[in-house]
Amino acid sequence: MRNPGCSIFLIILLIVFLNSCVSPKVHNSLTSDLEITKNKLLENEKNMIKLKDDILELTNAKYRVSQKLDQLKNDSIQNGTALNDIMNKHKKLSESYDLLSNQSSRKMAEKAKEVKRLLDQLEESQNSLLLKEDELNKLSRSISQQKQELENFEQELTNRSNRVVELETIILQKDSIVSNMKNRISNSLKGLEGEGLSIEKRNGKIYVSLDEELLFASGKYEVNQTGIIALDKLSAVLASQNRIEILVEGHTDNIPLSTKKIIKDNWDLSVLRATAVVKILLKNDKLNPIQLTAAGRGEYNPKANNKTIEGRKMNRRIELILSPNLDDLYRILEE
């Protein structure tokens, strides 16, 4: 028969061993059995038979525990195999992940290059667009400026057209005035035309030509009675025309004067005759002196050839050149 203390020691060792290898359920069962055994040993140490039974029971329990342990070992092996499978799968997954990660990195790098290329194209397009927009703005400003210039030109053209119309109106009025005045002068001096007096409308002016015989004695500058009557009639017509200018010109032939006491040459004679006519005209106080100008042309603006008697007779004359006042025309032209 074995020593009970040694058996208990073995049981304790077995329990400690099993404690580290069995499940909590078995562990709790063994702990309970151990407590029962301890109580029985303490209560009845002398009951060896009972102890043997307990030992036998413990042996059976050991067998069962051994079976459990074997089962657990088998489970552990299966779990280890499963763990290896899981680790292999993890390794494969990790390798796949690394491969995908590398592929993804390459693709991301390629995408980054593509994105950078697109960004560069976008920036280039934006710069091109900005340049075109700047050109468009310049073109728009140029068009606006040209439009403004065109409007200014059209306005200037309209103004000029209006001035042309105004000029034409004034010219028509002046021409009408000249025509009416010619008719009035002709009517007032009716009977004298062809008798040393001629009236001509030329270049928008009226030329009233009075021969020397109608006004003066040969070589003289005093106006005779016939001339005074003619000039009085003429002044009555001119007095009603305050919008004309009157130039009185004296003309001679080229024959030198035989006497040079007062009148030294044909220049003097032409000027004195023009002045004498002006003075006769101004006897009409309704005629404004500012409208009249006296001038001598001497022999230097002949009307006919001085080599013939008839020509020299035509050259010895007084001409009244009646011109419309052109101040309105000058004003329009200066605008």
Protein backbone atom coordinates (compact mmCIF):
# COMPACT_ATOMS: atom_id res chain seq x y z
CA MET A 1 0.00 0.00 0.00
CA ARG A 2 1.25 3.40 -0.96
CA ASN A 3 1.88 6.23 1.45
CA PRO A 4 -1.29 8.44 1.57
CA GLY A 5 0.79 11.60 1.79
CA CYS A 6 2.65 10.63 -1.32
CA SER A 7 -0.63 9.93 -3.10
CA ILE A 8 -2.00 13.26 -2.09
CA PHE A 9 1.16 14.89 -3.32
CA LEU A 10 0.79 13.11 -6.62
CA ILE A 11 -2.85 14.10 -6.84
CA ILE A 12 -1.92 17.70 -6.10
CA LEU A 13 0.78 17.57 -8.78
CA LEU A 14 -1.70 16.03 -11.18
CA ILE A 15 -4.25 18.67 -10.35
CA VAL A 16 -1.65 21.40 -10.78
CA PHE A 17 -0.65 19.84 -14.08
CA LEU A 18 -4.20 19.48 -15.19
CA ASN A 19 -4.89 22.95 -13.89
CA SER A 20 -2.68 24.35 -16.57
CA CYS A 21 -4.00 22.12 -19.35
CA VAL A 22 -7.71 21.57 -18.76
CA SER A 23 -10.66 23.75 -19.40
CA PRO A 24 -12.21 25.87 -16.65
CA LYS A 25 -15.10 23.43 -16.35
CA VAL A 26 -12.84 20.45 -15.72
CA HIS A 27 -10.67 22.59 -13.50
CA ASN A 28 -13.64 23.52 -11.36
CA SER A 29 -14.71 19.85 -11.15
CA LEU A 30 -11.26 18.72 -10.06
CA THR A 31 -11.03 21.50 -7.54
CA SER A 32 -14.33 20.37 -6.05
CA ASP A 33 -13.17 16.73 -5.90
CA LEU A 34 -9.93 17.84 -4.28
CA GLU A 35 -11.81 19.71 -1.59
CA ILE A 36 -13.99 16.69 -0.93
CA THR A 37 -10.91 14.50 -0.71
CA LYS A 38 -9.21 16.85 1.65
CA ASN A 39 -12.23 16.93 3.88
CA LYS A 40 -12.44 13.19 3.89
CA LEU A 41 -8.74 12.81 4.70
CA LEU A 42 -9.01 15.29 7.49
CA GLU A 43 -12.13 13.62 8.80
CA ASN A 44 -10.98 10.08 8.48
CA GLU A 45 -7.27 9.66 7.80
CA LYS A 46 -7.43 6.14 8.97
CA ASN A 47 -10.04 5.09 6.38
CA MET A 48 -7.57 3.80 3.81
CA ILE A 49 -10.09 1.85 1.87
CA LYS A 50 -12.06 4.96 1.30
CA LEU A 51 -8.85 6.65 0.31
CA LYS A 52 -8.12 3.93 -2.23
CA ASP A 53 -11.55 4.38 -3.64
CA ASP A 54 -10.88 8.05 -3.87
CA ILE A 55 -7.53 7.36 -5.50
CA LEU A 56 -9.24 5.06 -7.93
CA GLU A 57 -11.79 7.71 -8.59
CA LEU A 58 -9.01 10.22 -9.12
CA THR A 59 -7.30 7.80 -11.44
CA ASN A 60 -10.43 7.53 -13.48
CA ALA A 61 -10.73 11.24 -13.38
CA LYS A 62 -7.13 11.43 -14.58
CA TYR A 63 -8.01 9.15 -17.43
CA ARG A 64 -10.88 11.30 -18.38
CA VAL A 65 -8.72 14.37 -18.06
CA SER A 66 -6.11 12.71 -20.23
CA GLN A 67 -8.76 12.03 -22.83
CA LYS A 68 -9.84 15.66 -22.58
CA LEU A 69 -6.23 16.72 -22.89
CA ASP A 70 -5.75 14.59 -25.95
CA GLN A 71 -8.88 16.07 -27.41
CA LEU A 72 -7.62 19.54 -26.59
CA LYS A 73 -4.29 18.73 -28.17
CA ASN A 74 -6.08 17.54 -31.28
CA ASP A 75 -8.13 20.73 -31.23
CA SER A 76 -4.91 22.68 -30.75
CA ILE A 77 -3.36 20.93 -33.75
CA GLN A 78 -6.43 21.66 -35.83
CA ASN A 79 -6.43 25.22 -34.60
CA GLY A 80 -2.73 25.48 -35.43
CA THR A 81 -3.42 24.20 -38.92
CA ALA A 82 -6.24 26.67 -39.28
CA LEU A 83 -3.96 29.35 -37.93
CA ASN A 84 -1.32 28.43 -40.48
CA ASP A 85 -3.94 28.55 -43.20
CA ILE A 86 -5.07 31.92 -41.91
CA MET A 87 -1.47 33.14 -41.77
CA ASN A 88 -0.83 31.88 -45.30
CA LYS A 89 -3.98 33.62 -46.48
CA HIS A 90 -2.88 36.71 -44.61
CA LYS A 91 0.51 36.49 -46.25
CA LYS A 92 -1.08 36.09 -49.67
CA LEU A 93 -3.46 38.94 -48.91
CA SER A 94 -0.53 41.04 -47.73
CA GLU A 95 1.39 40.24 -50.92
CA SER A 96 -1.70 41.02 -52.99
CA TYR A 97 -2.11 44.24 -51.05
CA ASP A 98 1.52 45.17 -51.65
CA LEU A 99 1.12 44.32 -55.33
CA LEU A 100 -2.07 46.33 -55.58
CA SER A 101 -0.45 49.10 -53.56
CA ASN A 102 2.50 49.19 -55.96
CA GLN A 103 0.18 49.08 -58.94
CA SER A 104 -1.94 51.74 -57.33
CA SER A 105 1.16 53.85 -56.67
CA ARG A 106 2.21 53.52 -60.32
CA LYS A 107 -1.28 54.32 -61.47
CA MET A 108 -1.45 57.21 -59.04
CA ALA A 109 1.91 58.44 -60.33
CA GLU A 110 0.66 58.09 -63.90
CA LYS A 111 -2.57 59.81 -62.92
CA ALA A 112 -0.56 62.54 -61.21
CA LYS A 113 1.47 63.02 -64.41
CA GLU A 114 -1.72 63.07 -66.45
CA VAL A 115 -3.31 65.52 -64.03
CA LYS A 116 -0.19 67.73 -64.18
CA ARG A 117 -0.27 67.56 -67.99
CA LEU A 118 -3.94 68.52 -67.99
CA LEU A 119 -3.26 71.30 -65.49
CA ASP A 120 -0.45 72.58 -67.70
CA GLN A 121 -2.79 72.47 -70.70
CA LEU A 122 -5.45 74.21 -68.65
CA GLU A 123 -3.00 76.91 -67.58
CA GLU A 124 -1.84 77.31 -71.17
CA SER A 125 -5.45 77.52 -72.31
CA GLN A 126 -6.21 80.05 -69.59
CA ASN A 127 -3.20 82.16 -70.59
CA SER A 128 -4.25 81.91 -74.22
CA LEU A 129 -7.78 82.83 -73.23
CA LEU A 130 -6.51 85.80 -71.23
CA LEU A 131 -4.45 86.95 -74.21
CA LYS A 132 -7.45 86.58 -76.51
CA GLU A 133 -9.61 88.34 -73.95
CA ASP A 134 -7.05 91.16 -73.80
CA GLU A 135 -6.99 91.33 -77.60
CA LEU A 136 -10.79 91.28 -77.59
CA ASN A 137 -10.86 94.14 -75.08
CA LYS A 138 -8.37 96.10 -77.20
CA LEU A 139 -10.43 95.34 -80.30
CA SER A 140 -13.58 96.33 -78.45
CA ARG A 141 -11.97 99.60 -77.34
CA SER A 142 -10.73 100.16 -80.89
CA ILE A 143 -14.21 99.45 -82.26
CA SER A 144 -15.72 101.79 -79.67
CA GLN A 145 -13.19 104.45 -80.59
CA GLN A 146 -13.83 103.92 -84.30
CA LYS A 147 -17.55 103.99 -83.62
CA GLN A 148 -17.15 107.25 -81.74
CA GLU A 149 -14.98 108.62 -84.56
CA LEU A 150 -17.59 107.46 -87.07
CA GLU A 151 -20.33 109.14 -85.05
CA ASN A 152 -18.20 112.29 -84.85
CA PHE A 153 -17.55 112.04 -88.59
CA GLU A 154 -21.26 111.54 -89.27
CA GLN A 155 -22.05 114.51 -87.05
CA GLU A 156 -19.39 116.57 -88.82
CA LEU A 157 -20.77 115.39 -92.16
CA THR A 158 -24.25 116.36 -91.05
CA ASN A 159 -22.96 119.75 -89.90
CA ARG A 160 -21.15 120.24 -93.19
CA SER A 161 -24.21 119.14 -95.10
CA ASN A 162 -26.25 121.65 -93.13
CA ARG A 163 -23.63 124.31 -93.87
CA VAL A 164 -23.69 123.40 -97.57
CA VAL A 165 -27.46 123.70 -97.56
CA GLU A 166 -27.15 127.01 -95.74
CA LEU A 167 -24.47 128.13 -98.20
CA GLU A 168 -26.61 127.14 -101.15
CA THR A 169 -29.53 128.97 -99.61
CA ILE A 170 -27.43 132.09 -99.06
CA ILE A 171 -25.93 131.84 -102.56
CA LEU A 172 -29.40 131.46 -104.02
CA GLN A 173 -30.51 134.44 -101.97
CA LYS A 174 -27.49 136.45 -103.10
CA ASP A 175 -28.06 135.39 -106.68
CA SER A 176 -31.69 136.36 -106.37
CA ILE A 177 -30.69 139.69 -104.86
CA VAL A 178 -28.21 140.29 -107.69
CA SER A 179 -30.77 139.39 -110.34
CA ASN A 180 -33.42 141.60 -108.79
CA MET A 181 -30.96 144.43 -108.39
CA LYS A 182 -29.88 144.13 -112.04
CA ASN A 183 -33.50 144.33 -113.11
CA ARG A 184 -34.15 147.37 -110.90
CA ILE A 185 -31.03 149.15 -112.17
CA SER A 186 -31.99 148.39 -115.76
CA ASN A 187 -35.48 149.71 -115.13
CA SER A 188 -34.21 152.87 -113.38
CA LEU A 189 -31.71 153.61 -116.14
CA LYS A 190 -33.99 152.62 -118.97
CA GLY A 191 -33.15 154.54 -122.10
CA LEU A 192 -29.47 154.88 -121.26
CA GLU A 193 -28.46 151.32 -122.14
CA GLY A 194 -26.80 151.42 -125.52
CA GLU A 195 -26.21 155.14 -125.03
CA GLY A 196 -22.99 154.84 -123.08
CA LEU A 197 -24.31 152.49 -120.34
CA SER A 198 -24.22 148.73 -120.09
CA ILE A 199 -25.29 146.38 -117.29
CA GLU A 200 -23.87 142.86 -117.03
CA LYS A 201 -24.23 140.08 -114.49
CA ARG A 202 -21.01 138.08 -114.21
CA ASN A 203 -19.51 135.80 -111.52
CA GLY A 204 -22.29 136.59 -109.06
CA LYS A 205 -21.70 140.33 -109.44
CA ILE A 206 -23.26 143.20 -111.38
CA TYR A 207 -21.01 145.31 -113.60
CA VAL A 208 -22.47 148.73 -114.44
CA SER A 209 -20.26 150.37 -117.06
CA LEU A 210 -20.66 154.09 -117.90
CA ASP A 211 -18.74 155.49 -120.86
CA GLU A 212 -16.64 158.61 -120.50
CA GLU A 213 -18.96 160.59 -122.82
CA LEU A 214 -21.93 159.91 -120.49
CA LEU A 215 -20.14 161.41 -117.46
CA PHE A 216 -17.10 163.52 -118.33
CA ALA A 217 -15.58 165.85 -120.86
CA SER A 218 -12.35 164.64 -122.43
CA GLY A 219 -9.47 164.75 -119.92
CA LYS A 220 -11.75 166.06 -117.15
CA TYR A 221 -13.00 164.50 -113.90
CA GLU A 222 -16.00 166.73 -113.20
CA VAL A 223 -19.29 164.86 -113.75
CA ASN A 224 -21.57 166.55 -116.33
CA GLN A 225 -25.30 167.09 -115.95
CA THR A 226 -26.28 164.00 -117.92
CA GLY A 227 -24.01 161.92 -115.73
CA ILE A 228 -25.42 163.46 -112.53
CA ILE A 229 -28.98 162.54 -113.58
CA ALA A 230 -27.89 158.96 -114.35
CA LEU A 231 -25.97 158.65 -111.07
CA ASP A 232 -28.89 160.05 -109.07
CA LYS A 233 -31.18 157.39 -110.49
CA LEU A 234 -28.54 154.75 -109.79
CA SER A 235 -28.03 155.93 -106.18
CA ALA A 236 -31.76 155.63 -105.50
CA VAL A 237 -31.59 151.97 -106.43
CA LEU A 238 -28.35 151.34 -104.52
CA ALA A 239 -29.65 153.02 -101.36
CA SER A 240 -32.25 150.29 -100.93
CA GLN A 241 -29.57 147.59 -101.07
CA ASN A 242 -27.77 147.66 -97.74
CA ARG A 243 -26.36 144.11 -98.22
CA ILE A 244 -24.10 144.93 -101.17
CA GLU A 245 -20.63 146.37 -101.56
CA ILE A 246 -19.99 148.97 -104.28
CA LEU A 247 -16.60 149.31 -105.92
CA VAL A 248 -16.27 152.34 -108.21
CA GLU A 249 -13.35 151.89 -110.63
CA GLY A 250 -11.96 154.56 -113.00
CA HIS A 251 -10.42 153.35 -116.29
CA THR A 252 -8.58 155.18 -119.07
CA ASP A 253 -7.01 154.41 -122.41
CA ASN A 254 -3.23 154.42 -122.86
CA ILE A 255 -2.93 157.86 -124.47
CA PRO A 256 -0.83 160.18 -122.24
CA LEU A 257 -2.45 163.41 -121.04
CA SER A 258 -1.60 166.53 -123.02
CA THR A 259 -1.66 168.78 -119.94
CA LYS A 260 -0.15 167.88 -116.57
CA LYS A 261 -1.01 170.78 -114.33
CA ILE A 262 -3.31 169.17 -111.77
CA ILE A 263 -3.74 165.75 -113.31
CA LYS A 264 -0.31 164.31 -113.88
CA ASP A 265 -1.19 161.01 -115.63
CA ASN A 266 -3.90 158.46 -116.35
CA TRP A 267 -3.58 157.04 -112.81
CA ASP A 268 -4.55 160.39 -111.35
CA LEU A 269 -7.38 160.83 -113.86
CA SER A 270 -8.86 157.38 -113.14
CA VAL A 271 -8.76 157.91 -109.38
CA LEU A 272 -10.23 161.43 -109.53
CA ARG A 273 -13.06 160.31 -111.80
CA ALA A 274 -13.90 157.36 -109.46
CA THR A 275 -13.86 159.71 -106.45
CA ALA A 276 -16.10 162.24 -108.27
CA VAL A 277 -18.67 159.51 -109.03
CA VAL A 278 -18.65 158.35 -105.37
CA LYS A 279 -19.30 161.90 -104.21
CA ILE A 280 -22.28 162.24 -106.56
CA LEU A 281 -23.71 158.95 -105.32
CA LEU A 282 -23.29 159.96 -101.67
CA LYS A 283 -25.47 163.01 -102.20
CA ASN A 284 -28.22 160.47 -101.50
CA ASP A 285 -28.05 160.38 -97.71
CA LYS A 286 -29.78 156.97 -97.63
CA LEU A 287 -26.68 155.39 -99.17
CA ASN A 288 -24.19 154.20 -96.55
CA PRO A 289 -20.63 155.47 -97.32
CA ILE A 290 -19.13 152.34 -95.81
CA GLN A 291 -20.53 150.38 -98.74
CA LEU A 292 -18.52 152.36 -101.30
CA THR A 293 -14.89 152.15 -102.40
CA ALA A 294 -13.24 154.40 -105.00
CA ALA A 295 -10.34 152.99 -107.01
CA GLY A 296 -8.34 153.96 -110.08
CA ARG A 297 -7.09 151.31 -112.53
CA GLY A 298 -5.59 153.74 -115.07
CA GLU A 299 -4.90 152.16 -118.42
CA TYR A 300 -3.98 148.75 -117.01
CA ASN A 301 -7.32 146.94 -117.21
CA PRO A 302 -8.50 147.67 -120.73
CA LYS A 303 -11.82 146.40 -121.99
CA ALA A 304 -10.84 146.59 -125.68
CA ASN A 305 -7.81 147.14 -127.87
CA ASN A 306 -6.23 150.58 -127.40
CA LYS A 307 -4.91 150.55 -130.98
CA THR A 308 -8.31 151.52 -132.37
CA ILE A 309 -10.42 154.60 -131.76
CA GLU A 310 -13.42 152.48 -130.90
CA GLY A 311 -11.34 150.36 -128.52
CA ARG A 312 -9.93 153.38 -126.71
CA LYS A 313 -13.44 154.81 -126.40
CA MET A 314 -14.64 151.62 -124.69
CA ASN A 315 -11.65 151.67 -122.33
CA ARG A 316 -12.40 155.19 -121.08
CA ARG A 317 -15.13 154.30 -118.57
CA ILE A 318 -16.37 154.14 -115.00
CA GLU A 319 -17.34 150.67 -113.70
CA LEU A 320 -19.50 150.10 -110.66
CA ILE A 321 -18.98 146.56 -109.43
CA LEU A 322 -21.84 145.58 -107.15
CA SER A 323 -21.08 142.55 -104.94
CA PRO A 324 -23.34 140.91 -102.38
CA ASN A 325 -22.03 141.07 -98.84
CA LEU A 326 -20.33 137.73 -98.26
CA ASP A 327 -19.97 137.97 -94.48
CA ASP A 328 -22.58 135.22 -93.98
CA LEU A 329 -20.70 132.98 -96.40
CA TYR A 330 -17.37 133.64 -94.67
CA ARG A 331 -18.96 132.96 -91.30
CA ILE A 332 -20.27 129.57 -92.45
CA LEU A 333 -16.95 128.68 -94.11
CA GLU A 334 -15.05 129.50 -90.93
CA GLU A 335 -17.28 127.32 -88.73
